[in-house]
């Protein structure tokens, strides 16, 4: 997503269909709900979330718990 909004890279580089679907989902929601936010600000937020996930997770799917804690979306672990 950072490549999309920082480098205007329209085509995701996803290894799996799950990642492609995630890219599509985020792109759609950002376009619908955050269209008023400038790309530079969006990149900063995406980078901060990415760094936080990297620092606070221990591998596997623990990042889902981290994201769920702040969004209220996702599995309750």
N, C-alpha and C. Protein backbone atom coordinates (compact mmCIF):
# COMPACT_ATOMS: atom_id res chain seq x y z
N UNK A 1 0.82 -1.19 0.00
CA UNK A 1 0.00 0.00 0.00
C UNK A 1 0.87 1.26 0.00
N UNK A 2 1.99 1.19 0.66
CA UNK A 2 2.89 2.36 0.67
C UNK A 2 3.38 2.62 -0.75
N UNK A 3 3.74 1.58 -1.47
CA UNK A 3 4.17 1.76 -2.87
C UNK A 3 3.06 2.38 -3.71
N UNK A 4 1.85 1.99 -3.45
CA UNK A 4 0.71 2.52 -4.21
C UNK A 4 0.58 4.02 -4.02
N UNK A 5 0.65 4.48 -2.80
CA UNK A 5 0.40 5.89 -2.52
C UNK A 5 1.66 6.76 -2.56
N UNK A 6 2.83 6.18 -2.38
CA UNK A 6 4.06 6.97 -2.43
C UNK A 6 4.65 7.01 -3.84
N UNK A 7 4.65 5.85 -4.51
CA UNK A 7 5.26 5.75 -5.83
C UNK A 7 4.22 5.65 -6.96
N UNK A 8 2.94 5.77 -6.61
CA UNK A 8 1.85 5.63 -7.59
C UNK A 8 1.90 4.29 -8.33
N UNK A 9 2.25 3.24 -7.62
CA UNK A 9 2.32 1.89 -8.18
C UNK A 9 0.93 1.27 -8.12
N UNK A 10 0.25 1.21 -9.25
CA UNK A 10 -1.13 0.72 -9.30
C UNK A 10 -1.23 -0.79 -9.17
N UNK A 11 -0.22 -1.52 -9.58
CA UNK A 11 -0.27 -2.98 -9.60
C UNK A 11 0.42 -3.53 -8.35
N UNK A 12 -0.32 -4.22 -7.49
CA UNK A 12 0.31 -4.79 -6.29
C UNK A 12 1.22 -5.96 -6.66
N UNK A 13 2.24 -6.14 -5.86
CA UNK A 13 3.10 -7.32 -6.01
C UNK A 13 2.72 -8.29 -4.89
N UNK A 14 1.77 -9.13 -5.19
CA UNK A 14 1.26 -10.06 -4.18
C UNK A 14 1.60 -11.49 -4.58
N UNK A 15 2.05 -12.26 -3.61
CA UNK A 15 2.41 -13.65 -3.85
C UNK A 15 1.20 -14.58 -3.84
N UNK A 16 0.12 -14.13 -3.21
CA UNK A 16 -1.05 -14.99 -3.07
C UNK A 16 -2.32 -14.21 -3.39
N UNK A 17 -3.37 -14.95 -3.64
CA UNK A 17 -4.66 -14.31 -3.91
C UNK A 17 -5.19 -13.61 -2.65
N UNK A 18 -4.81 -14.10 -1.49
CA UNK A 18 -5.23 -13.47 -0.24
C UNK A 18 -4.64 -12.06 -0.15
N UNK A 19 -3.37 -11.92 -0.47
CA UNK A 19 -2.74 -10.60 -0.45
C UNK A 19 -3.35 -9.68 -1.50
N UNK A 20 -3.65 -10.21 -2.67
CA UNK A 20 -4.31 -9.42 -3.71
C UNK A 20 -5.67 -8.92 -3.24
N UNK A 21 -6.41 -9.78 -2.57
CA UNK A 21 -7.72 -9.40 -2.06
C UNK A 21 -7.59 -8.34 -0.97
N UNK A 22 -6.58 -8.48 -0.11
CA UNK A 22 -6.33 -7.48 0.92
C UNK A 22 -6.00 -6.12 0.31
N UNK A 23 -5.19 -6.13 -0.73
CA UNK A 23 -4.84 -4.89 -1.43
C UNK A 23 -6.10 -4.25 -2.01
N UNK A 24 -6.94 -5.07 -2.64
CA UNK A 24 -8.17 -4.57 -3.24
C UNK A 24 -9.09 -3.98 -2.16
N UNK A 25 -9.23 -4.70 -1.05
CA UNK A 25 -10.09 -4.26 0.05
C UNK A 25 -9.61 -2.93 0.62
N UNK A 26 -8.32 -2.83 0.92
CA UNK A 26 -7.78 -1.58 1.47
C UNK A 26 -7.92 -0.43 0.48
N UNK A 27 -7.60 -0.69 -0.78
CA UNK A 27 -7.71 0.35 -1.81
C UNK A 27 -9.13 0.87 -1.93
N UNK A 28 -10.08 -0.04 -1.93
CA UNK A 28 -11.48 0.34 -2.04
C UNK A 28 -11.91 1.18 -0.84
N UNK A 29 -11.57 0.74 0.35
CA UNK A 29 -11.98 1.46 1.56
C UNK A 29 -11.28 2.81 1.69
N UNK A 30 -10.02 2.86 1.34
CA UNK A 30 -9.32 4.14 1.38
C UNK A 30 -9.96 5.10 0.38
N UNK A 31 -10.28 4.60 -0.81
CA UNK A 31 -10.91 5.43 -1.81
C UNK A 31 -12.28 5.94 -1.40
N UNK A 32 -13.02 5.12 -0.68
CA UNK A 32 -14.37 5.50 -0.26
C UNK A 32 -14.39 6.37 0.99
N UNK A 33 -13.54 6.03 1.95
CA UNK A 33 -13.65 6.66 3.27
C UNK A 33 -12.55 7.68 3.57
N UNK A 34 -11.44 7.60 2.86
CA UNK A 34 -10.32 8.49 3.16
C UNK A 34 -9.85 9.27 1.94
N UNK A 35 -10.73 9.45 0.97
CA UNK A 35 -10.36 10.13 -0.27
C UNK A 35 -9.91 11.58 -0.04
N UNK A 36 -10.35 12.17 1.03
CA UNK A 36 -10.01 13.56 1.33
C UNK A 36 -8.60 13.73 1.91
N UNK A 37 -7.96 12.64 2.28
CA UNK A 37 -6.62 12.71 2.88
C UNK A 37 -5.56 12.71 1.78
N UNK A 38 -4.61 13.61 1.90
CA UNK A 38 -3.53 13.70 0.90
C UNK A 38 -2.67 12.45 0.95
N UNK A 39 -2.13 12.06 -0.21
CA UNK A 39 -1.31 10.86 -0.31
C UNK A 39 -0.14 10.87 0.65
N UNK A 40 0.49 12.03 0.84
CA UNK A 40 1.65 12.12 1.73
C UNK A 40 1.27 11.76 3.16
N UNK A 41 0.11 12.22 3.60
CA UNK A 41 -0.35 11.90 4.95
C UNK A 41 -0.71 10.43 5.08
N UNK A 42 -1.33 9.89 4.05
CA UNK A 42 -1.70 8.48 4.06
C UNK A 42 -0.47 7.59 4.12
N UNK A 43 0.57 7.95 3.39
CA UNK A 43 1.83 7.19 3.42
C UNK A 43 2.43 7.22 4.82
N UNK A 44 2.39 8.35 5.48
CA UNK A 44 2.92 8.45 6.85
C UNK A 44 2.16 7.54 7.80
N UNK A 45 0.84 7.50 7.67
CA UNK A 45 0.03 6.64 8.53
C UNK A 45 0.32 5.17 8.24
N UNK A 46 0.36 4.80 6.97
CA UNK A 46 0.65 3.42 6.59
C UNK A 46 2.03 2.99 7.10
N UNK A 47 3.01 3.87 6.99
CA UNK A 47 4.36 3.55 7.45
C UNK A 47 4.39 3.39 8.97
N UNK A 48 3.66 4.25 9.68
CA UNK A 48 3.62 4.14 11.14
C UNK A 48 2.95 2.84 11.57
N UNK A 49 1.88 2.46 10.91
CA UNK A 49 1.21 1.19 11.23
C UNK A 49 2.14 0.02 10.94
N UNK A 50 2.81 0.07 9.81
CA UNK A 50 3.74 -1.00 9.45
C UNK A 50 4.85 -1.15 10.49
N UNK A 51 5.44 -0.03 10.88
CA UNK A 51 6.52 -0.07 11.89
C UNK A 51 5.99 -0.59 13.23
N UNK A 52 4.81 -0.18 13.61
CA UNK A 52 4.23 -0.64 14.87
C UNK A 52 3.99 -2.14 14.86
N UNK A 53 3.47 -2.63 13.75
CA UNK A 53 3.24 -4.07 13.64
C UNK A 53 4.56 -4.82 13.71
N UNK A 54 5.58 -4.32 13.04
CA UNK A 54 6.89 -4.98 13.06
C UNK A 54 7.48 -5.02 14.48
N UNK A 55 7.31 -3.96 15.24
CA UNK A 55 7.88 -3.88 16.59
C UNK A 55 7.11 -4.69 17.62
N UNK A 56 5.81 -4.80 17.45
CA UNK A 56 4.98 -5.36 18.51
C UNK A 56 4.45 -6.76 18.25
N UNK A 57 4.89 -7.39 17.22
CA UNK A 57 4.39 -8.74 16.96
C UNK A 57 5.53 -9.74 17.03
N UNK A 58 5.17 -10.97 17.31
CA UNK A 58 6.18 -12.01 17.50
C UNK A 58 6.15 -13.05 16.39
N UNK A 59 5.50 -12.73 15.30
CA UNK A 59 5.42 -13.66 14.18
C UNK A 59 4.08 -14.33 14.10
N UNK A 60 3.93 -15.15 13.10
CA UNK A 60 2.66 -15.84 12.91
C UNK A 60 1.54 -14.86 12.64
N UNK A 61 0.44 -15.05 13.32
CA UNK A 61 -0.70 -14.17 13.14
C UNK A 61 -0.89 -13.19 14.29
N UNK A 62 0.12 -13.00 15.11
CA UNK A 62 -0.02 -12.09 16.24
C UNK A 62 -0.29 -10.66 15.79
N UNK A 63 0.09 -10.31 14.57
CA UNK A 63 -0.19 -8.97 14.07
C UNK A 63 -1.69 -8.73 13.97
N UNK A 64 -2.48 -9.78 13.75
CA UNK A 64 -3.92 -9.63 13.67
C UNK A 64 -4.50 -9.15 15.00
N UNK A 65 -3.96 -9.67 16.08
CA UNK A 65 -4.40 -9.23 17.41
C UNK A 65 -4.06 -7.76 17.62
N UNK A 66 -2.86 -7.36 17.20
CA UNK A 66 -2.43 -5.97 17.33
C UNK A 66 -3.36 -5.04 16.55
N UNK A 67 -3.64 -5.37 15.30
CA UNK A 67 -4.51 -4.54 14.47
C UNK A 67 -5.92 -4.54 15.03
N UNK A 68 -6.41 -5.68 15.46
CA UNK A 68 -7.76 -5.78 16.01
C UNK A 68 -7.92 -4.93 17.26
N UNK A 69 -6.89 -4.85 18.06
CA UNK A 69 -6.93 -4.06 19.29
C UNK A 69 -7.25 -2.60 19.01
N UNK A 70 -6.75 -2.08 17.91
CA UNK A 70 -6.93 -0.67 17.61
C UNK A 70 -8.06 -0.37 16.64
N UNK A 71 -8.52 -1.38 15.92
CA UNK A 71 -9.58 -1.14 14.94
C UNK A 71 -10.92 -1.72 15.36
N UNK A 72 -10.87 -2.71 16.23
CA UNK A 72 -12.10 -3.41 16.60
C UNK A 72 -12.56 -4.38 15.53
N UNK A 73 -11.73 -4.58 14.53
CA UNK A 73 -12.04 -5.48 13.42
C UNK A 73 -11.08 -6.65 13.47
N UNK A 74 -11.60 -7.82 13.27
CA UNK A 74 -10.72 -8.98 13.21
C UNK A 74 -11.01 -9.96 14.34
N UNK A 75 -10.19 -10.99 14.39
CA UNK A 75 -10.42 -12.05 15.37
C UNK A 75 -10.11 -11.58 16.78
N UNK A 76 -10.90 -12.04 17.70
CA UNK A 76 -10.62 -11.78 19.11
C UNK A 76 -9.71 -12.88 19.59
N UNK A 77 -8.51 -12.52 19.98
CA UNK A 77 -7.51 -13.53 20.39
C UNK A 77 -7.25 -13.42 21.86
